[in-house]
Each structure stands twice: as structure tokens, then as C-alpha cells.
Amino acid sequence: MSLVRNNQSNNHAHNQSWLLVLEDMPKLYHTVLEKQEANACRAYLGKNKVES
């Protein structure tokens, strides 16, 4: 019986860590997007410099 109870508490902890990850997701996603945009801008500006 204690085995089952142990499993349930482990699952609960696991679910909670997932909830925390999901809550952080927008922030994470935002920083990734910002980095990609910055890289795209840099590449674009660099390309223009080479052409002109």
C-alpha cells in the first residue's frame, strides 16, 4: 500500500513541475523569439552592407 501512496506523491510532484514549466513557457518563448528577430535583423543589415 505504501508503494501506491509513494507513486501518487511522485506523480503529484511531477505534475507540479510541469505546471511550473508551462507557466514559464510564455517568457521562454518570448526570449527565443526576440533572439531570432535580433539575428534576422543582423543578418539582413549585414547582407545590405555587403550589397551596397
C-alpha atoms as a PDB file:
ATOM      1  CA  MET A   1       0.000   0.000   0.000  1.00  0.00           C
ATOM      2  CA  SER A   2       2.782   2.432   0.802  1.00  0.00           C
ATOM      3  CA  LEU A   3       4.155   1.828  -2.691  1.00  0.00           C
ATOM      4  CA  VAL A   4       0.965   3.115  -4.271  1.00  0.00           C
ATOM      5  CA  ARG A   5       0.923   6.136  -1.999  1.00  0.00           C
ATOM      6  CA  ASN A   6       4.540   6.835  -2.915  1.00  0.00           C
ATOM      7  CA  ASN A   7       3.743   6.719  -6.606  1.00  0.00           C
ATOM      8  CA  GLN A   8       0.877   9.142  -6.194  1.00  0.00           C
ATOM      9  CA  SER A   9       3.016  11.711  -4.407  1.00  0.00           C
ATOM     10  CA  ASN A  10       5.733  11.322  -7.051  1.00  0.00           C
ATOM     11  CA  ASN A  11       3.191  11.907  -9.782  1.00  0.00           C
ATOM     12  CA  HIS A  12       1.922  14.947  -7.953  1.00  0.00           C
ATOM     13  CA  ALA A  13       5.405  16.434  -7.722  1.00  0.00           C
ATOM     14  CA  HIS A  14       5.957  15.671 -11.385  1.00  0.00           C
ATOM     15  CA  ASN A  15       2.694  17.356 -12.368  1.00  0.00           C
ATOM     16  CA  GLN A  16       3.583  20.421 -10.335  1.00  0.00           C
ATOM     17  CA  SER A  17       6.967  20.795 -12.006  1.00  0.00           C
ATOM     18  CA  TRP A  18       5.218  20.563 -15.360  1.00  0.00           C
ATOM     19  CA  LEU A  19       2.810  23.300 -14.306  1.00  0.00           C
ATOM     20  CA  LEU A  20       5.770  25.492 -13.415  1.00  0.00           C
ATOM     21  CA  VAL A  21       7.322  24.850 -16.811  1.00  0.00           C
ATOM     22  CA  LEU A  22       4.050  25.729 -18.518  1.00  0.00           C
ATOM     23  CA  GLU A  23       3.836  28.958 -16.536  1.00  0.00           C
ATOM     24  CA  ASP A  24       7.368  29.860 -17.629  1.00  0.00           C
ATOM     25  CA  MET A  25       6.651  28.939 -21.233  1.00  0.00           C
ATOM     26  CA  PRO A  26       5.486  32.377 -22.464  1.00  0.00           C
ATOM     27  CA  LYS A  27       8.609  34.008 -21.034  1.00  0.00           C
ATOM     28  CA  LEU A  28      10.849  31.366 -22.584  1.00  0.00           C
ATOM     29  CA  TYR A  29       9.064  31.570 -25.913  1.00  0.00           C
ATOM     30  CA  HIS A  30       9.332  35.349 -25.887  1.00  0.00           C
ATOM     31  CA  THR A  31      13.096  35.385 -25.331  1.00  0.00           C
ATOM     32  CA  VAL A  32      13.604  32.793 -28.081  1.00  0.00           C
ATOM     33  CA  LEU A  33      11.555  34.891 -30.493  1.00  0.00           C
ATOM     34  CA  GLU A  34      13.474  38.035 -29.554  1.00  0.00           C
ATOM     35  CA  LYS A  35      16.788  36.285 -30.201  1.00  0.00           C
ATOM     36  CA  GLN A  36      15.596  35.038 -33.583  1.00  0.00           C
ATOM     37  CA  GLU A  37      14.389  38.512 -34.540  1.00  0.00           C
ATOM     38  CA  ALA A  38      17.675  40.067 -33.483  1.00  0.00           C
ATOM     39  CA  ASN A  39      19.609  37.512 -35.521  1.00  0.00           C
ATOM     40  CA  ALA A  40      17.380  38.066 -38.544  1.00  0.00           C
ATOM     41  CA  CYS A  41      17.888  41.836 -38.287  1.00  0.00           C
ATOM     42  CA  ARG A  42      21.629  41.420 -38.000  1.00  0.00           C
ATOM     43  CA  ALA A  43      21.737  39.089 -40.990  1.00  0.00           C
ATOM     44  CA  TYR A  44      19.571  41.488 -43.009  1.00  0.00           C
ATOM     45  CA  LEU A  45      21.723  44.507 -42.152  1.00  0.00           C
ATOM     46  CA  GLY A  46      24.884  42.549 -42.872  1.00  0.00           C
ATOM     47  CA  LYS A  47      23.542  41.465 -46.260  1.00  0.00           C
ATOM     48  CA  ASN A  48      22.660  45.051 -47.163  1.00  0.00           C
ATOM     49  CA  LYS A  49      26.131  46.230 -46.222  1.00  0.00           C
ATOM     50  CA  VAL A  50      27.726  43.638 -48.480  1.00  0.00           C
ATOM     51  CA  GLU A  51      25.497  44.512 -51.435  1.00  0.00           C
ATOM     52  CA  SER A  52      25.853  48.294 -51.310  1.00  0.00           C
END
